[in-house]
Amino acid sequence: MKSPREFWPRWAESLRRYQLHNLVASFLEAGSPLALLGAQAIYFSGGFVKSDQLIALAETLEEETEARAFAFFLEHEGAGQ
């Protein structure tokens, strides 16, 4: 399986297309417990839908440092794209 960070550019592109990148970045930076609950919901749904991207998203949401790193990526790294 790919590293979750390998999916970040694709996720960032999709979020920018729908102009949700700032909202998602703010949510992730807050370190909300909802992110952990979201990760658990994704793991639970894994019994119904198998997807490397969903597992990578759950792993990103589960780790606070990774969630904040993705928020930084959304705000800075992909801003020029």
PDB file of N, CA and C in Angstrom:
ATOM      1  N   MET A   1       0.835  -1.183   0.000  1.00  0.00           N
ATOM      2  CA  MET A   1       0.000   0.000   0.000  1.00  0.00           C
ATOM      3  C   MET A   1       0.879   1.245   0.000  1.00  0.00           C
ATOM      4  N   LYS A   2       0.408   2.262  -0.666  1.00  0.00           N
ATOM      5  CA  LYS A   2       1.128   3.532  -0.729  1.00  0.00           C
ATOM      6  C   LYS A   2       1.096   4.230   0.628  1.00  0.00           C
ATOM      7  N   SER A   3       2.066   5.108   0.810  1.00  0.00           N
ATOM      8  CA  SER A   3       2.067   5.977   1.978  1.00  0.00           C
ATOM      9  C   SER A   3       0.909   6.962   1.843  1.00  0.00           C
ATOM     10  N   PRO A   4       0.255   7.316   2.961  1.00  0.00           N
ATOM     11  CA  PRO A   4      -0.842   8.295   2.864  1.00  0.00           C
ATOM     12  C   PRO A   4      -0.411   9.600   2.201  1.00  0.00           C
ATOM     13  N   ARG A   5       0.840  10.004   2.402  1.00  0.00           N
ATOM     14  CA  ARG A   5       1.306  11.269   1.819  1.00  0.00           C
ATOM     15  C   ARG A   5       1.338  11.242   0.290  1.00  0.00           C
ATOM     16  N   GLU A   6       1.389  10.072  -0.294  1.00  0.00           N
ATOM     17  CA  GLU A   6       1.374   9.981  -1.750  1.00  0.00           C
ATOM     18  C   GLU A   6       0.016  10.378  -2.336  1.00  0.00           C
ATOM     19  N   PHE A   7      -1.028  10.321  -1.544  1.00  0.00           N
ATOM     20  CA  PHE A   7      -2.369  10.695  -1.992  1.00  0.00           C
ATOM     21  C   PHE A   7      -2.643  12.181  -1.813  1.00  0.00           C
ATOM     22  N   TRP A   8      -1.849  12.859  -0.999  1.00  0.00           N
ATOM     23  CA  TRP A   8      -2.113  14.259  -0.666  1.00  0.00           C
ATOM     24  C   TRP A   8      -2.278  15.172  -1.869  1.00  0.00           C
ATOM     25  N   PRO A   9      -1.402  15.117  -2.879  1.00  0.00           N
ATOM     26  CA  PRO A   9      -1.594  16.033  -4.023  1.00  0.00           C
ATOM     27  C   PRO A   9      -2.950  15.846  -4.709  1.00  0.00           C
ATOM     28  N   ARG A  10      -3.390  14.616  -4.839  1.00  0.00           N
ATOM     29  CA  ARG A  10      -4.682  14.350  -5.478  1.00  0.00           C
ATOM     30  C   ARG A  10      -5.820  14.876  -4.618  1.00  0.00           C
ATOM     31  N   TRP A  11      -5.732  14.642  -3.299  1.00  0.00           N
ATOM     32  CA  TRP A  11      -6.771  15.142  -2.402  1.00  0.00           C
ATOM     33  C   TRP A  11      -6.802  16.661  -2.419  1.00  0.00           C
ATOM     34  N   ALA A  12      -5.616  17.275  -2.368  1.00  0.00           N
ATOM     35  CA  ALA A  12      -5.533  18.740  -2.365  1.00  0.00           C
ATOM     36  C   ALA A  12      -6.147  19.310  -3.647  1.00  0.00           C
ATOM     37  N   GLU A  13      -5.856  18.685  -4.769  1.00  0.00           N
ATOM     38  CA  GLU A  13      -6.412  19.148  -6.046  1.00  0.00           C
ATOM     39  C   GLU A  13      -7.937  19.090  -6.037  1.00  0.00           C
ATOM     40  N   SER A  14      -8.482  17.991  -5.526  1.00  0.00           N
ATOM     41  CA  SER A  14      -9.941  17.855  -5.459  1.00  0.00           C
ATOM     42  C   SER A  14     -10.554  18.887  -4.520  1.00  0.00           C
ATOM     43  N   LEU A  15      -9.924  19.098  -3.378  1.00  0.00           N
ATOM     44  CA  LEU A  15     -10.450  20.086  -2.427  1.00  0.00           C
ATOM     45  C   LEU A  15     -10.378  21.498  -2.995  1.00  0.00           C
ATOM     46  N   ARG A  16      -9.311  21.810  -3.714  1.00  0.00           N
ATOM     47  CA  ARG A  16      -9.196  23.136  -4.337  1.00  0.00           C
ATOM     48  C   ARG A  16     -10.245  23.329  -5.430  1.00  0.00           C
ATOM     49  N   ARG A  17     -10.501  22.277  -6.167  1.00  0.00           N
ATOM     50  CA  ARG A  17     -11.491  22.364  -7.243  1.00  0.00           C
ATOM     51  C   ARG A  17     -12.848  22.784  -6.687  1.00  0.00           C
ATOM     52  N   TYR A  18     -13.190  22.272  -5.520  1.00  0.00           N
ATOM     53  CA  TYR A  18     -14.479  22.608  -4.901  1.00  0.00           C
ATOM     54  C   TYR A  18     -14.351  23.717  -3.855  1.00  0.00           C
ATOM     55  N   GLN A  19     -13.187  24.331  -3.799  1.00  0.00           N
ATOM     56  CA  GLN A  19     -12.874  25.431  -2.886  1.00  0.00           C
ATOM     57  C   GLN A  19     -13.149  25.075  -1.427  1.00  0.00           C
ATOM     58  N   LEU A  20     -12.771  23.869  -1.060  1.00  0.00           N
ATOM     59  CA  LEU A  20     -12.937  23.393   0.311  1.00  0.00           C
ATOM     60  C   LEU A  20     -11.611  23.287   1.054  1.00  0.00           C
ATOM     61  N   HIS A  21     -10.500  23.613   0.383  1.00  0.00           N
ATOM     62  CA  HIS A  21      -9.188  23.413   0.990  1.00  0.00           C
ATOM     63  C   HIS A  21      -8.989  24.224   2.262  1.00  0.00           C
ATOM     64  N   ASN A  22      -9.443  25.474   2.302  1.00  0.00           N
ATOM     65  CA  ASN A  22      -9.271  26.291   3.512  1.00  0.00           C
ATOM     66  C   ASN A  22     -10.123  25.766   4.662  1.00  0.00           C
ATOM     67  N   LEU A  23     -11.338  25.351   4.366  1.00  0.00           N
ATOM     68  CA  LEU A  23     -12.220  24.804   5.394  1.00  0.00           C
ATOM     69  C   LEU A  23     -11.626  23.520   5.988  1.00  0.00           C
ATOM     70  N   VAL A  24     -11.173  22.628   5.127  1.00  0.00           N
ATOM     71  CA  VAL A  24     -10.598  21.368   5.589  1.00  0.00           C
ATOM     72  C   VAL A  24      -9.309  21.625   6.366  1.00  0.00           C
ATOM     73  N   ALA A  25      -8.475  22.529   5.893  1.00  0.00           N
ATOM     74  CA  ALA A  25      -7.233  22.858   6.599  1.00  0.00           C
ATOM     75  C   ALA A  25      -7.529  23.402   7.995  1.00  0.00           C
ATOM     76  N   SER A  26      -8.517  24.261   8.107  1.00  0.00           N
ATOM     77  CA  SER A  26      -8.894  24.813   9.415  1.00  0.00           C
ATOM     78  C   SER A  26      -9.381  23.715  10.351  1.00  0.00           C
ATOM     79  N   PHE A  27     -10.179  22.833   9.805  1.00  0.00           N
ATOM     80  CA  PHE A  27     -10.700  21.710  10.584  1.00  0.00           C
ATOM     81  C   PHE A  27      -9.555  20.823  11.091  1.00  0.00           C
ATOM     82  N   LEU A  28      -8.610  20.516  10.212  1.00  0.00           N
ATOM     83  CA  LEU A  28      -7.495  19.649  10.589  1.00  0.00           C
ATOM     84  C   LEU A  28      -6.550  20.312  11.579  1.00  0.00           C
ATOM     85  N   GLU A  29      -6.320  21.613  11.423  1.00  0.00           N
ATOM     86  CA  GLU A  29      -5.428  22.325  12.340  1.00  0.00           C
ATOM     87  C   GLU A  29      -6.006  22.390  13.747  1.00  0.00           C
ATOM     88  N   ALA A  30      -7.305  22.382  13.855  1.00  0.00           N
ATOM     89  CA  ALA A  30      -7.939  22.451  15.172  1.00  0.00           C
ATOM     90  C   ALA A  30      -7.685  21.181  15.983  1.00  0.00           C
ATOM     91  N   GLY A  31      -7.263  20.116  15.311  1.00  0.00           N
ATOM     92  CA  GLY A  31      -6.999  18.864  16.015  1.00  0.00           C
ATOM     93  C   GLY A  31      -8.252  18.295  16.645  1.00  0.00           C
ATOM     94  N   SER A  32      -9.326  18.479  15.966  1.00  0.00           N
ATOM     95  CA  SER A  32     -10.635  18.090  16.478  1.00  0.00           C
ATOM     96  C   SER A  32     -10.720  16.588  16.755  1.00  0.00           C
ATOM     97  N   PRO A  33     -11.378  16.251  17.861  1.00  0.00           N
ATOM     98  CA  PRO A  33     -11.628  14.830  18.120  1.00  0.00           C
ATOM     99  C   PRO A  33     -12.530  14.215  17.046  1.00  0.00           C
ATOM    100  N   LEU A  34     -13.215  15.068  16.292  1.00  0.00           N
ATOM    101  CA  LEU A  34     -14.048  14.552  15.209  1.00  0.00           C
ATOM    102  C   LEU A  34     -13.209  13.871  14.133  1.00  0.00           C
ATOM    103  N   ALA A  35     -11.967  14.313  13.984  1.00  0.00           N
ATOM    104  CA  ALA A  35     -11.082  13.675  13.005  1.00  0.00           C
ATOM    105  C   ALA A  35     -10.825  12.224  13.402  1.00  0.00           C
ATOM    106  N   LEU A  36     -10.601  11.997  14.678  1.00  0.00           N
ATOM    107  CA  LEU A  36     -10.377  10.627  15.151  1.00  0.00           C
ATOM    108  C   LEU A  36     -11.639   9.787  14.967  1.00  0.00           C
ATOM    109  N   LEU A  37     -12.780  10.376  15.260  1.00  0.00           N
ATOM    110  CA  LEU A  37     -14.032   9.650  15.038  1.00  0.00           C
ATOM    111  C   LEU A  37     -14.243   9.356  13.554  1.00  0.00           C
ATOM    112  N   GLY A  38     -13.869  10.306  12.709  1.00  0.00           N
ATOM    113  CA  GLY A  38     -13.951  10.081  11.269  1.00  0.00           C
ATOM    114  C   GLY A  38     -13.063   8.935  10.827  1.00  0.00           C
ATOM    115  N   ALA A  39     -11.862   8.878  11.386  1.00  0.00           N
ATOM    116  CA  ALA A  39     -10.941   7.786  11.057  1.00  0.00           C
ATOM    117  C   ALA A  39     -11.547   6.444  11.465  1.00  0.00           C
ATOM    118  N   GLN A  40     -12.131   6.395  12.645  1.00  0.00           N
ATOM    119  CA  GLN A  40     -12.740   5.150  13.104  1.00  0.00           C
ATOM    120  C   GLN A  40     -13.918   4.748  12.223  1.00  0.00           C
ATOM    121  N   ALA A  41     -14.696   5.721  11.780  1.00  0.00           N
ATOM    122  CA  ALA A  41     -15.818   5.425  10.883  1.00  0.00           C
ATOM    123  C   ALA A  41     -15.313   4.865   9.555  1.00  0.00           C
ATOM    124  N   ILE A  42     -14.217   5.412   9.075  1.00  0.00           N
ATOM    125  CA  ILE A  42     -13.642   4.917   7.814  1.00  0.00           C
ATOM    126  C   ILE A  42     -13.151   3.487   7.985  1.00  0.00           C
ATOM    127  N   TYR A  43     -12.465   3.219   9.117  1.00  0.00           N
ATOM    128  CA  TYR A  43     -12.010   1.841   9.367  1.00  0.00           C
ATOM    129  C   TYR A  43     -13.205   0.887   9.453  1.00  0.00           C
ATOM    130  N   PHE A  44     -14.258   1.321  10.116  1.00  0.00           N
ATOM    131  CA  PHE A  44     -15.448   0.483  10.241  1.00  0.00           C
ATOM    132  C   PHE A  44     -16.061   0.196   8.880  1.00  0.00           C
ATOM    133  N   SER A  45     -16.132   1.214   8.028  1.00  0.00           N
ATOM    134  CA  SER A  45     -16.727   1.028   6.706  1.00  0.00           C
ATOM    135  C   SER A  45     -15.836   0.206   5.791  1.00  0.00           C
ATOM    136  N   GLY A  46     -14.597  -0.014   6.197  1.00  0.00           N
ATOM    137  CA  GLY A  46     -13.670  -0.817   5.396  1.00  0.00           C
ATOM    138  C   GLY A  46     -14.183  -2.224   5.147  1.00  0.00           C
ATOM    139  N   GLY A  47     -15.081  -2.685   5.988  1.00  0.00           N
ATOM    140  CA  GLY A  47     -15.683  -3.996   5.766  1.00  0.00           C
ATOM    141  C   GLY A  47     -16.619  -3.999   4.568  1.00  0.00           C
ATOM    142  N   PHE A  48     -17.084  -2.833   4.193  1.00  0.00           N
ATOM    143  CA  PHE A  48     -18.021  -2.727   3.074  1.00  0.00           C
ATOM    144  C   PHE A  48     -17.345  -2.251   1.789  1.00  0.00           C
ATOM    145  N   VAL A  49     -16.384  -1.347   1.946  1.00  0.00           N
ATOM    146  CA  VAL A  49     -15.707  -0.751   0.792  1.00  0.00           C
ATOM    147  C   VAL A  49     -14.197  -0.848   1.010  1.00  0.00           C
ATOM    148  N   LYS A  50     -13.511  -1.460   0.086  1.00  0.00           N
ATOM    149  CA  LYS A  50     -12.055  -1.581   0.173  1.00  0.00           C
ATOM    150  C   LYS A  50     -11.423  -0.536  -0.736  1.00  0.00           C
ATOM    151  N   SER A  51     -10.579   0.310  -0.147  1.00  0.00           N
ATOM    152  CA  SER A  51      -9.924   1.348  -0.936  1.00  0.00           C
ATOM    153  C   SER A  51      -8.652   1.790  -0.238  1.00  0.00           C
ATOM    154  N   ASP A  52      -7.557   1.813  -0.981  1.00  0.00           N
ATOM    155  CA  ASP A  52      -6.297   2.291  -0.419  1.00  0.00           C
ATOM    156  C   ASP A  52      -6.405   3.755  -0.009  1.00  0.00           C
ATOM    157  N   GLN A  53      -7.160   4.533  -0.777  1.00  0.00           N
ATOM    158  CA  GLN A  53      -7.312   5.952  -0.444  1.00  0.00           C
ATOM    159  C   GLN A  53      -8.064   6.137   0.866  1.00  0.00           C
ATOM    160  N   LEU A  54      -9.092   5.326   1.094  1.00  0.00           N
ATOM    161  CA  LEU A  54      -9.837   5.450   2.351  1.00  0.00           C
ATOM    162  C   LEU A  54      -8.971   5.072   3.544  1.00  0.00           C
ATOM    163  N   ILE A  55      -8.178   4.026   3.401  1.00  0.00           N
ATOM    164  CA  ILE A  55      -7.276   3.622   4.485  1.00  0.00           C
ATOM    165  C   ILE A  55      -6.251   4.723   4.731  1.00  0.00           C
ATOM    166  N   ALA A  56      -5.719   5.302   3.660  1.00  0.00           N
ATOM    167  CA  ALA A  56      -4.743   6.390   3.797  1.00  0.00           C
ATOM    168  C   ALA A  56      -5.381   7.604   4.469  1.00  0.00           C
ATOM    169  N   LEU A  57      -6.618   7.909   4.122  1.00  0.00           N
ATOM    170  CA  LEU A  57      -7.322   9.028   4.751  1.00  0.00           C
ATOM    171  C   LEU A  57      -7.519   8.754   6.240  1.00  0.00           C
ATOM    172  N   ALA A  58      -7.916   7.542   6.585  1.00  0.00           N
ATOM    173  CA  ALA A  58      -8.100   7.180   7.991  1.00  0.00           C
ATOM    174  C   ALA A  58      -6.786   7.307   8.755  1.00  0.00           C
ATOM    175  N   GLU A  59      -5.689   6.856   8.152  1.00  0.00           N
ATOM    176  CA  GLU A  59      -4.385   6.964   8.805  1.00  0.00           C
ATOM    177  C   GLU A  59      -3.987   8.422   8.997  1.00  0.00           C
ATOM    178  N   THR A  60      -4.289   9.260   8.021  1.00  0.00           N
ATOM    179  CA  THR A  60      -3.975  10.688   8.130  1.00  0.00           C
ATOM    180  C   THR A  60      -4.799  11.328   9.237  1.00  0.00           C
ATOM    181  N   LEU A  61      -6.075  11.010   9.310  1.00  0.00           N
ATOM    182  CA  LEU A  61      -6.942  11.592  10.330  1.00  0.00           C
ATOM    183  C   LEU A  61      -6.614  11.076  11.736  1.00  0.00           C
ATOM    184  N   GLU A  62      -6.168   9.840  11.797  1.00  0.00           N
ATOM    185  CA  GLU A  62      -5.901   9.204  13.088  1.00  0.00           C
ATOM    186  C   GLU A  62      -4.707   9.827  13.809  1.00  0.00           C
ATOM    187  N   GLU A  63      -3.695  10.210  13.061  1.00  0.00           N
ATOM    188  CA  GLU A  63      -2.489  10.798  13.641  1.00  0.00           C
ATOM    189  C   GLU A  63      -2.584  12.317  13.595  1.00  0.00           C
ATOM    190  N   GLU A  64      -2.599  12.958  14.746  1.00  0.00           N
ATOM    191  CA  GLU A  64      -2.746  14.415  14.797  1.00  0.00           C
ATOM    192  C   GLU A  64      -1.628  15.125  14.041  1.00  0.00           C
ATOM    193  N   THR A  65      -0.398  14.612  14.145  1.00  0.00           N
ATOM    194  CA  THR A  65       0.719  15.262  13.443  1.00  0.00           C
ATOM    195  C   THR A  65       0.551  15.157  11.928  1.00  0.00           C
ATOM    196  N   GLU A  66       0.037  14.035  11.464  1.00  0.00           N
ATOM    197  CA  GLU A  66      -0.187  13.873  10.025  1.00  0.00           C
ATOM    198  C   GLU A  66      -1.331  14.762   9.553  1.00  0.00           C
ATOM    199  N   ALA A  67      -2.366  14.865  10.358  1.00  0.00           N
ATOM    200  CA  ALA A  67      -3.495  15.716   9.993  1.00  0.00           C
ATOM    201  C   ALA A  67      -3.045  17.171   9.882  1.00  0.00           C
ATOM    202  N   ARG A  68      -2.235  17.613  10.824  1.00  0.00           N
ATOM    203  CA  ARG A  68      -1.730  18.994  10.779  1.00  0.00           C
ATOM    204  C   ARG A  68      -0.764  19.193   9.623  1.00  0.00           C
ATOM    205  N   ALA A  69       0.015  18.163   9.317  1.00  0.00           N
ATOM    206  CA  ALA A  69       0.941  18.254   8.185  1.00  0.00           C
ATOM    207  C   ALA A  69       0.160  18.363   6.870  1.00  0.00           C
ATOM    208  N   PHE A  70      -0.939  17.640   6.763  1.00  0.00           N
ATOM    209  CA  PHE A  70      -1.768  17.740   5.562  1.00  0.00           C
ATOM    210  C   PHE A  70      -2.412  19.122   5.478  1.00  0.00           C
ATOM    211  N   ALA A  71      -2.826  19.660   6.614  1.00  0.00           N
ATOM    212  CA  ALA A  71      -3.382  21.016   6.633  1.00  0.00           C
ATOM    213  C   ALA A  71      -2.349  22.016   6.135  1.00  0.00           C
ATOM    214  N   PHE A  72      -1.106  21.874   6.581  1.00  0.00           N
ATOM    215  CA  PHE A  72      -0.030  22.750   6.121  1.00  0.00           C
ATOM    216  C   PHE A  72       0.171  22.591   4.624  1.00  0.00           C
ATOM    217  N   PHE A  73       0.143  21.355   4.161  1.00  0.00           N
ATOM    218  CA  PHE A  73       0.285  21.067   2.730  1.00  0.00           C
ATOM    219  C   PHE A  73      -0.811  21.764   1.933  1.00  0.00           C
ATOM    220  N   LEU A  74      -2.036  21.684   2.440  1.00  0.00           N
ATOM    221  CA  LEU A  74      -3.152  22.347   1.741  1.00  0.00           C
ATOM    222  C   LEU A  74      -2.957  23.853   1.641  1.00  0.00           C
ATOM    223  N   GLU A  75      -2.451  24.447   2.715  1.00  0.00           N
ATOM    224  CA  GLU A  75      -2.323  25.897   2.763  1.00  0.00           C
ATOM    225  C   GLU A  75      -1.100  26.430   2.012  1.00  0.00           C
ATOM    226  N   HIS A  76      -0.010  25.673   1.991  1.00  0.00           N
ATOM    227  CA  HIS A  76       1.244  26.214   1.474  1.00  0.00           C
ATOM    228  C   HIS A  76       1.787  25.495   0.249  1.00  0.00           C
ATOM    229  N   GLU A  77       2.021  24.232   0.360  1.00  0.00           N
ATOM    230  CA  GLU A  77       2.734  23.495  -0.681  1.00  0.00           C
ATOM    231  C   GLU A  77       1.970  23.479  -2.011  1.00  0.00           C
ATOM    232  N   GLY A  78       0.688  23.232  -1.941  1.00  0.00           N
ATOM    233  CA  GLY A  78      -0.082  23.132  -3.164  1.00  0.00           C
ATOM    234  C   GLY A  78      -0.688  24.447  -3.601  1.00  0.00           C
ATOM    235  N   ALA A  79      -0.379  25.526  -2.898  1.00  0.00           N
ATOM    236  CA  ALA A  79      -1.018  26.818  -3.198  1.00  0.00           C
ATOM    237  C   ALA A  79      -0.668  27.326  -4.597  1.00  0.00           C
ATOM    238  N   GLY A  80       0.484  26.951  -5.098  1.00  0.00           N
ATOM    239  CA  GLY A  80       0.892  27.420  -6.412  1.00  0.00           C
ATOM    240  C   GLY A  80       0.349  26.597  -7.553  1.00  0.00           C
ATOM    241  N   GLN A  81      -0.345  25.519  -7.237  1.00  0.00           N
ATOM    242  CA  GLN A  81      -0.841  24.637  -8.295  1.00  0.00           C
ATOM    243  C   GLN A  81      -2.123  25.146  -8.880  1.00  0.00           C
TER     244      GLN A  81
END
